[in-house]
Amino acid sequence: GLRPLTRTEFLKWLSSAATALGVESLKGHGIRIGATLEYLLRGVPFDVVKSIGRWSSDAFTLYLRQHAVIMALYMQGTP
């Protein structure tokens, strides 16, 4: 029957897909940061993203600084 997809099973599936495509597999933390970036690029407020990602601090903003160049391209057309 159907059952919830666990983190472990998801990462196994992702690793197999990456291997089949001949690309480097993503890790759980990278996916979390990527999702945070995606929410912010879609205009979701920081406090909401913090809550969705269950971030207990503003530490995620440190990771986002690494993506400043990427974010700048998308934010130029967005107020």
PDB file of N, CA and C in Angstrom:
ATOM      1  N   GLY A   1       0.817  -1.191   0.000  1.00  0.00           N
ATOM      2  CA  GLY A   1       0.000   0.000   0.000  1.00  0.00           C
ATOM      3  C   GLY A   1       0.866   1.262   0.000  1.00  0.00           C
ATOM      4  N   LEU A   2       0.176   2.349   0.029  1.00  0.00           N
ATOM      5  CA  LEU A   2       0.856   3.647   0.051  1.00  0.00           C
ATOM      6  C   LEU A   2       1.402   3.943   1.435  1.00  0.00           C
ATOM      7  N   ARG A   3       2.547   4.598   1.466  1.00  0.00           N
ATOM      8  CA  ARG A   3       3.121   5.031   2.737  1.00  0.00           C
ATOM      9  C   ARG A   3       3.886   6.327   2.485  1.00  0.00           C
ATOM     10  N   PRO A   4       4.092   7.130   3.515  1.00  0.00           N
ATOM     11  CA  PRO A   4       4.813   8.396   3.329  1.00  0.00           C
ATOM     12  C   PRO A   4       6.249   8.157   2.845  1.00  0.00           C
ATOM     13  N   LEU A   5       6.726   9.057   2.021  1.00  0.00           N
ATOM     14  CA  LEU A   5       8.091   8.986   1.525  1.00  0.00           C
ATOM     15  C   LEU A   5       9.016   9.536   2.609  1.00  0.00           C
ATOM     16  N   THR A   6       9.934   8.712   3.061  1.00  0.00           N
ATOM     17  CA  THR A   6      10.861   9.144   4.107  1.00  0.00           C
ATOM     18  C   THR A   6      12.031   9.897   3.476  1.00  0.00           C
ATOM     19  N   ARG A   7      12.744  10.626   4.310  1.00  0.00           N
ATOM     20  CA  ARG A   7      13.919  11.367   3.856  1.00  0.00           C
ATOM     21  C   ARG A   7      14.945  10.401   3.251  1.00  0.00           C
ATOM     22  N   THR A   8      15.178   9.294   3.927  1.00  0.00           N
ATOM     23  CA  THR A   8      16.157   8.307   3.463  1.00  0.00           C
ATOM     24  C   THR A   8      15.780   7.759   2.089  1.00  0.00           C
ATOM     25  N   GLU A   9      14.537   7.374   1.931  1.00  0.00           N
ATOM     26  CA  GLU A   9      14.086   6.822   0.644  1.00  0.00           C
ATOM     27  C   GLU A   9      14.140   7.880  -0.457  1.00  0.00           C
ATOM     28  N   PHE A  10      13.775   9.110  -0.127  1.00  0.00           N
ATOM     29  CA  PHE A  10      13.830  10.188  -1.106  1.00  0.00           C
ATOM     30  C   PHE A  10      15.266  10.398  -1.580  1.00  0.00           C
ATOM     31  N   LEU A  11      16.214  10.440  -0.636  1.00  0.00           N
ATOM     32  CA  LEU A  11      17.614  10.650  -1.001  1.00  0.00           C
ATOM     33  C   LEU A  11      18.169   9.477  -1.813  1.00  0.00           C
ATOM     34  N   LYS A  12      17.721   8.248  -1.507  1.00  0.00           N
ATOM     35  CA  LYS A  12      18.133   7.089  -2.313  1.00  0.00           C
ATOM     36  C   LYS A  12      17.619   7.228  -3.748  1.00  0.00           C
ATOM     37  N   TRP A  13      16.347   7.619  -3.871  1.00  0.00           N
ATOM     38  CA  TRP A  13      15.732   7.786  -5.190  1.00  0.00           C
ATOM     39  C   TRP A  13      16.461   8.882  -5.958  1.00  0.00           C
ATOM     40  N   LEU A  14      16.751   9.979  -5.298  1.00  0.00           N
ATOM     41  CA  LEU A  14      17.443  11.096  -5.925  1.00  0.00           C
ATOM     42  C   LEU A  14      18.851  10.689  -6.381  1.00  0.00           C
ATOM     43  N   SER A  15      19.537   9.920  -5.555  1.00  0.00           N
ATOM     44  CA  SER A  15      20.877   9.445  -5.898  1.00  0.00           C
ATOM     45  C   SER A  15      20.836   8.538  -7.119  1.00  0.00           C
ATOM     46  N   SER A  16      19.855   7.635  -7.177  1.00  0.00           N
ATOM     47  CA  SER A  16      19.755   6.754  -8.345  1.00  0.00           C
ATOM     48  C   SER A  16      19.450   7.533  -9.607  1.00  0.00           C
ATOM     49  N   ALA A  17      18.577   8.529  -9.512  1.00  0.00           N
ATOM     50  CA  ALA A  17      18.260   9.352 -10.678  1.00  0.00           C
ATOM     51  C   ALA A  17      19.500  10.110 -11.143  1.00  0.00           C
ATOM     52  N   ALA A  18      20.275  10.656 -10.209  1.00  0.00           N
ATOM     53  CA  ALA A  18      21.487  11.386 -10.559  1.00  0.00           C
ATOM     54  C   ALA A  18      22.502  10.462 -11.230  1.00  0.00           C
ATOM     55  N   THR A  19      22.654   9.255 -10.691  1.00  0.00           N
ATOM     56  CA  THR A  19      23.575   8.273 -11.276  1.00  0.00           C
ATOM     57  C   THR A  19      23.143   7.937 -12.700  1.00  0.00           C
ATOM     58  N   ALA A  20      21.857   7.716 -12.894  1.00  0.00           N
ATOM     59  CA  ALA A  20      21.339   7.376 -14.223  1.00  0.00           C
ATOM     60  C   ALA A  20      21.577   8.511 -15.219  1.00  0.00           C
ATOM     61  N   LEU A  21      21.542   9.742 -14.733  1.00  0.00           N
ATOM     62  CA  LEU A  21      21.761  10.901 -15.603  1.00  0.00           C
ATOM     63  C   LEU A  21      23.240  11.263 -15.741  1.00  0.00           C
ATOM     64  N   GLY A  22      24.081  10.619 -14.916  1.00  0.00           N
ATOM     65  CA  GLY A  22      25.504  10.903 -14.967  1.00  0.00           C
ATOM     66  C   GLY A  22      25.878  12.240 -14.359  1.00  0.00           C
ATOM     67  N   VAL A  23      25.097  12.674 -13.366  1.00  0.00           N
ATOM     68  CA  VAL A  23      25.393  13.940 -12.682  1.00  0.00           C
ATOM     69  C   VAL A  23      25.631  13.679 -11.200  1.00  0.00           C
ATOM     70  N   GLU A  24      26.208  14.669 -10.532  1.00  0.00           N
ATOM     71  CA  GLU A  24      26.475  14.535  -9.102  1.00  0.00           C
ATOM     72  C   GLU A  24      25.161  14.592  -8.322  1.00  0.00           C
ATOM     73  N   SER A  25      25.032  13.724  -7.346  1.00  0.00           N
ATOM     74  CA  SER A  25      23.825  13.672  -6.534  1.00  0.00           C
ATOM     75  C   SER A  25      23.788  14.826  -5.540  1.00  0.00           C
ATOM     76  N   LEU A  26      22.600  15.338  -5.302  1.00  0.00           N
ATOM     77  CA  LEU A  26      22.404  16.375  -4.298  1.00  0.00           C
ATOM     78  C   LEU A  26      22.302  15.752  -2.924  1.00  0.00           C
ATOM     79  N   LYS A  27      22.666  16.503  -1.918  1.00  0.00           N
ATOM     80  CA  LYS A  27      22.543  16.043  -0.537  1.00  0.00           C
ATOM     81  C   LYS A  27      21.348  16.741   0.104  1.00  0.00           C
ATOM     82  N   GLY A  28      20.889  16.217   1.219  1.00  0.00           N
ATOM     83  CA  GLY A  28      19.708  16.754   1.893  1.00  0.00           C
ATOM     84  C   GLY A  28      19.805  18.225   2.228  1.00  0.00           C
ATOM     85  N   HIS A  29      20.966  18.651   2.725  1.00  0.00           N
ATOM     86  CA  HIS A  29      21.123  20.041   3.128  1.00  0.00           C
ATOM     87  C   HIS A  29      21.042  20.972   1.921  1.00  0.00           C
ATOM     88  N   GLY A  30      21.650  20.555   0.818  1.00  0.00           N
ATOM     89  CA  GLY A  30      21.604  21.361  -0.404  1.00  0.00           C
ATOM     90  C   GLY A  30      20.186  21.519  -0.925  1.00  0.00           C
ATOM     91  N   ILE A  31      19.394  20.487  -0.781  1.00  0.00           N
ATOM     92  CA  ILE A  31      18.003  20.545  -1.213  1.00  0.00           C
ATOM     93  C   ILE A  31      17.241  21.532  -0.337  1.00  0.00           C
ATOM     94  N   ARG A  32      17.518  21.507   0.952  1.00  0.00           N
ATOM     95  CA  ARG A  32      16.837  22.408   1.887  1.00  0.00           C
ATOM     96  C   ARG A  32      17.154  23.868   1.568  1.00  0.00           C
ATOM     97  N   ILE A  33      18.428  24.159   1.322  1.00  0.00           N
ATOM     98  CA  ILE A  33      18.832  25.517   0.967  1.00  0.00           C
ATOM     99  C   ILE A  33      18.225  25.911  -0.370  1.00  0.00           C
ATOM    100  N   GLY A  34      18.228  24.986  -1.322  1.00  0.00           N
ATOM    101  CA  GLY A  34      17.631  25.260  -2.631  1.00  0.00           C
ATOM    102  C   GLY A  34      16.151  25.573  -2.536  1.00  0.00           C
ATOM    103  N   ALA A  35      15.453  24.836  -1.704  1.00  0.00           N
ATOM    104  CA  ALA A  35      14.023  25.089  -1.516  1.00  0.00           C
ATOM    105  C   ALA A  35      13.807  26.459  -0.878  1.00  0.00           C
ATOM    106  N   THR A  36      14.666  26.806   0.075  1.00  0.00           N
ATOM    107  CA  THR A  36      14.573  28.121   0.713  1.00  0.00           C
ATOM    108  C   THR A  36      14.759  29.217  -0.327  1.00  0.00           C
ATOM    109  N   LEU A  37      15.759  29.054  -1.168  1.00  0.00           N
ATOM    110  CA  LEU A  37      16.014  30.031  -2.227  1.00  0.00           C
ATOM    111  C   LEU A  37      14.819  30.126  -3.169  1.00  0.00           C
ATOM    112  N   GLU A  38      14.254  28.992  -3.534  1.00  0.00           N
ATOM    113  CA  GLU A  38      13.096  28.975  -4.442  1.00  0.00           C
ATOM    114  C   GLU A  38      11.917  29.734  -3.852  1.00  0.00           C
ATOM    115  N   TYR A  39      11.609  29.486  -2.581  1.00  0.00           N
ATOM    116  CA  TYR A  39      10.508  30.215  -1.926  1.00  0.00           C
ATOM    117  C   TYR A  39      10.746  31.714  -1.959  1.00  0.00           C
ATOM    118  N   LEU A  40      11.970  32.134  -1.641  1.00  0.00           N
ATOM    119  CA  LEU A  40      12.288  33.561  -1.613  1.00  0.00           C
ATOM    120  C   LEU A  40      12.188  34.173  -3.003  1.00  0.00           C
ATOM    121  N   LEU A  41      12.653  33.447  -4.014  1.00  0.00           N
ATOM    122  CA  LEU A  41      12.555  33.955  -5.388  1.00  0.00           C
ATOM    123  C   LEU A  41      11.101  34.079  -5.837  1.00  0.00           C
ATOM    124  N   ARG A  42      10.230  33.301  -5.241  1.00  0.00           N
ATOM    125  CA  ARG A  42       8.796  33.377  -5.573  1.00  0.00           C
ATOM    126  C   ARG A  42       8.063  34.427  -4.746  1.00  0.00           C
ATOM    127  N   GLY A  43       8.834  35.156  -3.922  1.00  0.00           N
ATOM    128  CA  GLY A  43       8.249  36.261  -3.180  1.00  0.00           C
ATOM    129  C   GLY A  43       7.689  35.911  -1.817  1.00  0.00           C
ATOM    130  N   VAL A  44       7.962  34.712  -1.322  1.00  0.00           N
ATOM    131  CA  VAL A  44       7.497  34.325   0.008  1.00  0.00           C
ATOM    132  C   VAL A  44       8.332  35.092   1.038  1.00  0.00           C
ATOM    133  N   PRO A  45       7.709  35.767   1.997  1.00  0.00           N
ATOM    134  CA  PRO A  45       8.460  36.549   2.987  1.00  0.00           C
ATOM    135  C   PRO A  45       9.421  35.695   3.813  1.00  0.00           C
ATOM    136  N   PHE A  46      10.541  36.331   4.253  1.00  0.00           N
ATOM    137  CA  PHE A  46      11.572  35.632   5.021  1.00  0.00           C
ATOM    138  C   PHE A  46      11.006  34.915   6.241  1.00  0.00           C
ATOM    139  N   ASP A  47      10.118  35.577   6.996  1.00  0.00           N
ATOM    140  CA  ASP A  47       9.602  34.948   8.218  1.00  0.00           C
ATOM    141  C   ASP A  47       8.776  33.706   7.903  1.00  0.00           C
ATOM    142  N   VAL A  48       8.083  33.714   6.767  1.00  0.00           N
ATOM    143  CA  VAL A  48       7.296  32.544   6.368  1.00  0.00           C
ATOM    144  C   VAL A  48       8.231  31.415   5.933  1.00  0.00           C
ATOM    145  N   VAL A  49       9.265  31.757   5.160  1.00  0.00           N
ATOM    146  CA  VAL A  49      10.250  30.759   4.724  1.00  0.00           C
ATOM    147  C   VAL A  49      10.936  30.136   5.939  1.00  0.00           C
ATOM    148  N   LYS A  50      11.255  30.966   6.903  1.00  0.00           N
ATOM    149  CA  LYS A  50      11.895  30.481   8.129  1.00  0.00           C
ATOM    150  C   LYS A  50      10.995  29.458   8.828  1.00  0.00           C
ATOM    151  N   SER A  51       9.718  29.737   8.864  1.00  0.00           N
ATOM    152  CA  SER A  51       8.755  28.835   9.502  1.00  0.00           C
ATOM    153  C   SER A  51       8.582  27.544   8.693  1.00  0.00           C
ATOM    154  N   ILE A  52       8.417  27.678   7.382  1.00  0.00           N
ATOM    155  CA  ILE A  52       8.243  26.504   6.515  1.00  0.00           C
ATOM    156  C   ILE A  52       9.448  25.568   6.630  1.00  0.00           C
ATOM    157  N   GLY A  53      10.651  26.154   6.639  1.00  0.00           N
ATOM    158  CA  GLY A  53      11.874  25.359   6.694  1.00  0.00           C
ATOM    159  C   GLY A  53      12.256  24.910   8.087  1.00  0.00           C
ATOM    160  N   ARG A  54      11.448  25.286   9.059  1.00  0.00           N
ATOM    161  CA  ARG A  54      11.708  24.949  10.470  1.00  0.00           C
ATOM    162  C   ARG A  54      13.106  25.406  10.888  1.00  0.00           C
ATOM    163  N   TRP A  55      13.496  26.604  10.402  1.00  0.00           N
ATOM    164  CA  TRP A  55      14.773  27.198  10.796  1.00  0.00           C
ATOM    165  C   TRP A  55      14.570  27.832  12.159  1.00  0.00           C
ATOM    166  N   SER A  56      15.412  27.482  13.124  1.00  0.00           N
ATOM    167  CA  SER A  56      15.266  28.035  14.475  1.00  0.00           C
ATOM    168  C   SER A  56      16.001  29.362  14.624  1.00  0.00           C
ATOM    169  N   SER A  57      16.801  29.721  13.614  1.00  0.00           N
ATOM    170  CA  SER A  57      17.528  30.987  13.659  1.00  0.00           C
ATOM    171  C   SER A  57      17.525  31.587  12.258  1.00  0.00           C
ATOM    172  N   ASP A  58      18.250  32.662  12.095  1.00  0.00           N
ATOM    173  CA  ASP A  58      18.380  33.269  10.767  1.00  0.00           C
ATOM    174  C   ASP A  58      19.585  32.721  10.013  1.00  0.00           C
ATOM    175  N   ALA A  59      20.066  31.552  10.407  1.00  0.00           N
ATOM    176  CA  ALA A  59      21.262  30.961   9.801  1.00  0.00           C
ATOM    177  C   ALA A  59      21.104  30.756   8.299  1.00  0.00           C
ATOM    178  N   PHE A  60      19.895  30.508   7.837  1.00  0.00           N
ATOM    179  CA  PHE A  60      19.706  30.270   6.415  1.00  0.00           C
ATOM    180  C   PHE A  60      20.127  31.479   5.582  1.00  0.00           C
ATOM    181  N   THR A  61      20.113  32.666   6.158  1.00  0.00           N
ATOM    182  CA  THR A  61      20.527  33.853   5.407  1.00  0.00           C
ATOM    183  C   THR A  61      22.014  33.799   5.064  1.00  0.00           C
ATOM    184  N   LEU A  62      22.811  33.119   5.884  1.00  0.00           N
ATOM    185  CA  LEU A  62      24.236  32.959   5.580  1.00  0.00           C
ATOM    186  C   LEU A  62      24.430  32.141   4.314  1.00  0.00           C
ATOM    187  N   TYR A  63      23.641  31.085   4.165  1.00  0.00           N
ATOM    188  CA  TYR A  63      23.738  30.257   2.967  1.00  0.00           C
ATOM    189  C   TYR A  63      23.268  31.027   1.737  1.00  0.00           C
ATOM    190  N   LEU A  64      22.265  31.851   1.930  1.00  0.00           N
ATOM    191  CA  LEU A  64      21.718  32.591   0.802  1.00  0.00           C
ATOM    192  C   LEU A  64      22.700  33.624   0.267  1.00  0.00           C
ATOM    193  N   ARG A  65      23.573  34.118   1.122  1.00  0.00           N
ATOM    194  CA  ARG A  65      24.583  35.080   0.651  1.00  0.00           C
ATOM    195  C   ARG A  65      25.463  34.459  -0.415  1.00  0.00           C
ATOM    196  N   GLN A  66      25.648  33.156  -0.350  1.00  0.00           N
ATOM    197  CA  GLN A  66      26.451  32.463  -1.354  1.00  0.00           C
ATOM    198  C   GLN A  66      25.754  32.484  -2.713  1.00  0.00           C
ATOM    199  N   HIS A  67      24.461  32.684  -2.689  1.00  0.00           N
ATOM    200  CA  HIS A  67      23.669  32.690  -3.926  1.00  0.00           C
ATOM    201  C   HIS A  67      23.331  34.110  -4.378  1.00  0.00           C
ATOM    202  N   ALA A  68      24.016  35.101  -3.818  1.00  0.00           N
ATOM    203  CA  ALA A  68      23.694  36.500  -4.106  1.00  0.00           C
ATOM    204  C   ALA A  68      23.765  36.813  -5.595  1.00  0.00           C
ATOM    205  N   VAL A  69      24.744  36.258  -6.286  1.00  0.00           N
ATOM    206  CA  VAL A  69      24.884  36.536  -7.714  1.00  0.00           C
ATOM    207  C   VAL A  69      23.682  35.986  -8.472  1.00  0.00           C
ATOM    208  N   ILE A  70      23.271  34.781  -8.128  1.00  0.00           N
ATOM    209  CA  ILE A  70      22.111  34.168  -8.782  1.00  0.00           C
ATOM    210  C   ILE A  70      20.850  34.953  -8.450  1.00  0.00           C
ATOM    211  N   MET A  71      20.676  35.279  -7.183  1.00  0.00           N
ATOM    212  CA  MET A  71      19.479  36.012  -6.760  1.00  0.00           C
ATOM    213  C   MET A  71      19.401  37.383  -7.412  1.00  0.00           C
ATOM    214  N   ALA A  72      20.540  38.039  -7.583  1.00  0.00           N
ATOM    215  CA  ALA A  72      20.546  39.379  -8.173  1.00  0.00           C
ATOM    216  C   ALA A  72      19.936  39.371  -9.567  1.00  0.00           C
ATOM    217  N   LEU A  73      20.226  38.347 -10.362  1.00  0.00           N
ATOM    218  CA  LEU A  73      19.674  38.257 -11.710  1.00  0.00           C
ATOM    219  C   LEU A  73      18.150  38.196 -11.696  1.00  0.00           C
ATOM    220  N   TYR A  74      17.587  37.439 -10.748  1.00  0.00           N
ATOM    221  CA  TYR A  74      16.146  37.286 -10.671  1.00  0.00           C
ATOM    222  C   TYR A  74      15.469  38.501 -10.022  1.00  0.00           C
ATOM    223  N   MET A  75      16.160  39.129  -9.097  1.00  0.00           N
ATOM    224  CA  MET A  75      15.558  40.221  -8.361  1.00  0.00           C
ATOM    225  C   MET A  75      15.589  41.536  -9.125  1.00  0.00           C
ATOM    226  N   GLN A  76      16.373  41.646 -10.170  1.00  0.00           N
ATOM    227  CA  GLN A  76      16.447  42.888 -10.915  1.00  0.00           C
ATOM    228  C   GLN A  76      15.094  43.286 -11.485  1.00  0.00           C
ATOM    229  N   GLY A  77      14.318  42.308 -11.899  1.00  0.00           N
ATOM    230  CA  GLY A  77      13.007  42.599 -12.460  1.00  0.00           C
ATOM    231  C   GLY A  77      11.897  42.601 -11.432  1.00  0.00           C
ATOM    232  N   THR A  78      12.236  42.365 -10.180  1.00  0.00           N
ATOM    233  CA  THR A  78      11.239  42.286  -9.124  1.00  0.00           C
ATOM    234  C   THR A  78      11.512  43.363  -8.080  1.00  0.00           C
ATOM    235  N   PRO A  79      10.483  44.141  -7.725  1.00  0.00           N
ATOM    236  CA  PRO A  79      10.711  45.174  -6.702  1.00  0.00           C
ATOM    237  C   PRO A  79      11.019  44.561  -5.351  1.00  0.00           C
TER     238      PRO A  79
END
